[in-house]
Amino acid sequence: MWQDTAMMVIQFGFGVAMVPTLIHKDHKPSFLSSISTASLAVAALLVLLSLEFWLWSFATSFVCLAWGIITYQRYRINRNAGIPLVTVHH
């Protein structure tokens, strides 16, 4: 299906847009934002696989991996700085 190919290209575009965040030493989204986005990306991947959108799934797996790496990077930044992963403001 042409939609599978089109969405694969779009999803790879999202992946490419994440490269600056991946390579920058300090500028990362918050841990909670990162882990929730990574989790939702994995959920989307599972849906795409169930619908047999193989190309779109392939591209989405890279986005999932990128968000997983960003989440781990934020975790390490917070841990090294003594910052709690999640803070509750009253």
N, C-alpha and C. Protein backbone atom coordinates (compact mmCIF):
# COMPACT_ATOMS: atom_id res chain seq x y z
N MET A 1 0.83 -1.19 0.00
CA MET A 1 0.00 0.00 0.00
C MET A 1 0.87 1.25 0.00
N TRP A 2 0.44 2.23 -0.75
CA TRP A 2 1.21 3.47 -0.82
C TRP A 2 1.24 4.19 0.52
N GLN A 3 0.19 4.01 1.34
CA GLN A 3 0.14 4.68 2.64
C GLN A 3 1.26 4.18 3.56
N ASP A 4 1.57 2.89 3.47
CA ASP A 4 2.65 2.32 4.28
C ASP A 4 3.98 2.97 3.92
N THR A 5 4.23 3.13 2.64
CA THR A 5 5.47 3.76 2.19
C THR A 5 5.51 5.24 2.57
N ALA A 6 4.41 5.93 2.37
CA ALA A 6 4.36 7.36 2.71
C ALA A 6 4.60 7.58 4.19
N MET A 7 3.95 6.78 5.04
CA MET A 7 4.13 6.96 6.49
C MET A 7 5.51 6.53 6.96
N MET A 8 6.13 5.58 6.25
CA MET A 8 7.51 5.22 6.57
C MET A 8 8.42 6.42 6.36
N VAL A 9 8.25 7.11 5.24
CA VAL A 9 9.07 8.28 4.94
C VAL A 9 8.85 9.37 5.99
N ILE A 10 7.59 9.60 6.35
CA ILE A 10 7.27 10.61 7.36
C ILE A 10 7.88 10.23 8.71
N GLN A 11 7.77 8.97 9.09
CA GLN A 11 8.30 8.53 10.38
C GLN A 11 9.83 8.64 10.41
N PHE A 12 10.49 8.30 9.31
CA PHE A 12 11.94 8.49 9.25
C PHE A 12 12.28 9.98 9.37
N GLY A 13 11.41 10.85 8.84
CA GLY A 13 11.61 12.29 9.01
C GLY A 13 11.58 12.69 10.48
N PHE A 14 10.64 12.10 11.23
CA PHE A 14 10.62 12.35 12.68
C PHE A 14 11.91 11.86 13.33
N GLY A 15 12.39 10.72 12.89
CA GLY A 15 13.64 10.19 13.44
C GLY A 15 14.82 11.10 13.17
N VAL A 16 14.90 11.60 11.95
CA VAL A 16 15.99 12.52 11.59
C VAL A 16 15.90 13.80 12.42
N ALA A 17 14.69 14.27 12.65
CA ALA A 17 14.50 15.49 13.45
C ALA A 17 14.97 15.31 14.89
N MET A 18 15.06 14.07 15.35
CA MET A 18 15.49 13.80 16.72
C MET A 18 17.01 13.76 16.88
N VAL A 19 17.74 13.72 15.79
CA VAL A 19 19.20 13.58 15.85
C VAL A 19 19.86 14.68 16.70
N PRO A 20 19.50 15.97 16.55
CA PRO A 20 20.15 16.97 17.40
C PRO A 20 19.93 16.71 18.90
N THR A 21 18.75 16.25 19.27
CA THR A 21 18.49 15.94 20.68
C THR A 21 19.33 14.75 21.12
N LEU A 22 19.49 13.78 20.26
CA LEU A 22 20.28 12.60 20.59
C LEU A 22 21.76 12.95 20.81
N ILE A 23 22.30 13.83 19.99
CA ILE A 23 23.73 14.08 20.06
C ILE A 23 24.12 15.21 21.00
N HIS A 24 23.19 16.07 21.37
CA HIS A 24 23.53 17.16 22.29
C HIS A 24 23.76 16.58 23.68
N LYS A 25 24.76 17.11 24.34
CA LYS A 25 25.16 16.57 25.64
C LYS A 25 24.12 16.79 26.73
N ASP A 26 23.51 17.96 26.78
CA ASP A 26 22.66 18.30 27.92
C ASP A 26 21.20 18.57 27.59
N HIS A 27 20.90 19.03 26.41
CA HIS A 27 19.53 19.44 26.11
C HIS A 27 18.67 18.23 25.78
N LYS A 28 17.91 17.79 26.78
CA LYS A 28 17.03 16.64 26.64
C LYS A 28 15.68 16.99 27.25
N PRO A 29 14.60 16.38 26.75
CA PRO A 29 13.31 16.57 27.41
C PRO A 29 13.35 15.98 28.82
N SER A 30 12.37 16.32 29.62
CA SER A 30 12.31 15.78 30.98
C SER A 30 12.17 14.25 30.92
N PHE A 31 12.54 13.61 32.02
CA PHE A 31 12.44 12.15 32.08
C PHE A 31 11.01 11.69 31.84
N LEU A 32 10.06 12.34 32.51
CA LEU A 32 8.66 11.93 32.38
C LEU A 32 8.16 12.08 30.94
N SER A 33 8.52 13.18 30.29
CA SER A 33 8.15 13.37 28.88
C SER A 33 8.80 12.32 27.99
N SER A 34 10.05 12.02 28.26
CA SER A 34 10.77 11.05 27.44
C SER A 34 10.21 9.65 27.59
N ILE A 35 9.98 9.23 28.81
CA ILE A 35 9.51 7.85 29.01
C ILE A 35 8.08 7.68 28.53
N SER A 36 7.26 8.71 28.69
CA SER A 36 5.88 8.58 28.19
C SER A 36 5.86 8.56 26.66
N THR A 37 6.68 9.37 26.02
CA THR A 37 6.73 9.37 24.56
C THR A 37 7.30 8.05 24.04
N ALA A 38 8.34 7.53 24.69
CA ALA A 38 8.89 6.24 24.29
C ALA A 38 7.85 5.14 24.43
N SER A 39 7.11 5.15 25.51
CA SER A 39 6.07 4.13 25.74
C SER A 39 4.96 4.22 24.70
N LEU A 40 4.53 5.42 24.40
CA LEU A 40 3.48 5.60 23.39
C LEU A 40 3.98 5.20 21.99
N ALA A 41 5.24 5.46 21.72
CA ALA A 41 5.81 5.05 20.42
C ALA A 41 5.83 3.52 20.31
N VAL A 42 6.16 2.84 21.39
CA VAL A 42 6.14 1.37 21.39
C VAL A 42 4.71 0.87 21.20
N ALA A 43 3.75 1.50 21.86
CA ALA A 43 2.35 1.11 21.68
C ALA A 43 1.92 1.29 20.22
N ALA A 44 2.31 2.40 19.61
CA ALA A 44 2.00 2.64 18.20
C ALA A 44 2.66 1.58 17.32
N LEU A 45 3.88 1.21 17.65
CA LEU A 45 4.58 0.17 16.89
C LEU A 45 3.82 -1.15 16.95
N LEU A 46 3.34 -1.51 18.12
CA LEU A 46 2.59 -2.77 18.25
C LEU A 46 1.31 -2.75 17.41
N VAL A 47 0.64 -1.60 17.39
CA VAL A 47 -0.57 -1.48 16.55
C VAL A 47 -0.21 -1.60 15.07
N LEU A 48 0.85 -0.93 14.66
CA LEU A 48 1.27 -0.99 13.25
C LEU A 48 1.64 -2.41 12.85
N LEU A 49 2.33 -3.12 13.73
CA LEU A 49 2.68 -4.51 13.44
C LEU A 49 1.43 -5.37 13.30
N SER A 50 0.45 -5.15 14.17
CA SER A 50 -0.78 -5.94 14.09
C SER A 50 -1.56 -5.67 12.80
N LEU A 51 -1.38 -4.48 12.23
CA LEU A 51 -2.04 -4.13 10.98
C LEU A 51 -1.20 -4.50 9.75
N GLU A 52 -0.03 -5.06 10.01
CA GLU A 52 0.91 -5.49 8.97
C GLU A 52 1.39 -4.35 8.08
N PHE A 53 1.61 -3.19 8.69
CA PHE A 53 2.26 -2.08 8.01
C PHE A 53 3.76 -2.22 8.26
N TRP A 54 4.40 -3.07 7.48
CA TRP A 54 5.78 -3.46 7.76
C TRP A 54 6.76 -2.31 7.60
N LEU A 55 6.63 -1.53 6.56
CA LEU A 55 7.57 -0.43 6.33
C LEU A 55 7.42 0.65 7.40
N TRP A 56 6.18 0.99 7.70
CA TRP A 56 5.90 1.99 8.73
C TRP A 56 6.40 1.48 10.09
N SER A 57 6.21 0.20 10.34
CA SER A 57 6.69 -0.40 11.59
C SER A 57 8.20 -0.33 11.69
N PHE A 58 8.87 -0.59 10.58
CA PHE A 58 10.33 -0.54 10.55
C PHE A 58 10.83 0.85 10.92
N ALA A 59 10.22 1.87 10.31
CA ALA A 59 10.62 3.25 10.61
C ALA A 59 10.27 3.62 12.05
N THR A 60 9.12 3.17 12.53
CA THR A 60 8.70 3.48 13.89
C THR A 60 9.63 2.83 14.92
N SER A 61 10.19 1.68 14.58
CA SER A 61 11.12 1.03 15.51
C SER A 61 12.35 1.91 15.76
N PHE A 62 12.78 2.65 14.74
CA PHE A 62 13.91 3.57 14.93
C PHE A 62 13.52 4.74 15.84
N VAL A 63 12.31 5.23 15.69
CA VAL A 63 11.84 6.31 16.56
C VAL A 63 11.73 5.80 18.00
N CYS A 64 11.25 4.58 18.17
CA CYS A 64 11.18 3.98 19.51
C CYS A 64 12.58 3.87 20.12
N LEU A 65 13.52 3.42 19.33
CA LEU A 65 14.90 3.30 19.80
C LEU A 65 15.46 4.66 20.17
N ALA A 66 15.21 5.66 19.35
CA ALA A 66 15.71 7.01 19.63
C ALA A 66 15.13 7.54 20.95
N TRP A 67 13.82 7.36 21.15
CA TRP A 67 13.21 7.83 22.40
C TRP A 67 13.73 7.03 23.58
N GLY A 68 14.01 5.76 23.39
CA GLY A 68 14.60 4.97 24.46
C GLY A 68 15.98 5.49 24.85
N ILE A 69 16.77 5.84 23.85
CA ILE A 69 18.11 6.39 24.12
C ILE A 69 18.00 7.74 24.82
N ILE A 70 17.10 8.60 24.35
CA ILE A 70 16.92 9.91 24.99
C ILE A 70 16.47 9.74 26.44
N THR A 71 15.58 8.79 26.69
CA THR A 71 15.12 8.53 28.06
C THR A 71 16.29 8.11 28.93
N TYR A 72 17.12 7.22 28.42
CA TYR A 72 18.29 6.77 29.19
C TYR A 72 19.27 7.92 29.41
N GLN A 73 19.47 8.75 28.39
CA GLN A 73 20.37 9.89 28.55
C GLN A 73 19.86 10.83 29.64
N ARG A 74 18.55 11.12 29.65
CA ARG A 74 17.97 12.00 30.68
C ARG A 74 18.10 11.36 32.05
N TYR A 75 17.89 10.05 32.14
CA TYR A 75 18.06 9.32 33.40
C TYR A 75 19.48 9.51 33.94
N ARG A 76 20.47 9.35 33.07
CA ARG A 76 21.87 9.50 33.50
C ARG A 76 22.19 10.94 33.90
N ILE A 77 21.67 11.90 33.14
CA ILE A 77 21.89 13.32 33.48
C ILE A 77 21.32 13.61 34.86
N ASN A 78 20.08 13.18 35.10
CA ASN A 78 19.44 13.41 36.40
C ASN A 78 20.19 12.71 37.52
N ARG A 79 20.55 11.46 37.30
CA ARG A 79 21.25 10.69 38.34
C ARG A 79 22.59 11.34 38.69
N ASN A 80 23.35 11.73 37.69
CA ASN A 80 24.66 12.35 37.93
C ASN A 80 24.56 13.70 38.63
N ALA A 81 23.44 14.40 38.40
CA ALA A 81 23.23 15.71 39.02
C ALA A 81 22.47 15.62 40.35
N GLY A 82 22.07 14.41 40.75
CA GLY A 82 21.31 14.25 41.98
C GLY A 82 19.89 14.77 41.88
N ILE A 83 19.35 14.82 40.68
CA ILE A 83 17.99 15.33 40.46
C ILE A 83 17.03 14.14 40.45
N PRO A 84 15.93 14.23 41.20
CA PRO A 84 14.95 13.13 41.15
C PRO A 84 14.35 13.01 39.74
N LEU A 85 13.98 11.81 39.37
CA LEU A 85 13.42 11.60 38.04
C LEU A 85 12.09 12.32 37.86
N VAL A 86 11.26 12.28 38.88
CA VAL A 86 9.96 12.92 38.81
C VAL A 86 9.78 13.78 40.07
N THR A 87 9.40 15.02 39.88
CA THR A 87 9.14 15.89 41.02
C THR A 87 7.67 16.27 41.03
N VAL A 88 7.13 16.39 42.23
CA VAL A 88 5.72 16.78 42.39
C VAL A 88 5.71 18.17 42.98
N HIS A 89 5.04 19.08 42.28
CA HIS A 89 4.93 20.45 42.76
C HIS A 89 3.57 20.64 43.42
N HIS A 90 3.55 21.29 44.54
CA HIS A 90 2.29 21.50 45.26
C HIS A 90 1.69 22.82 44.90
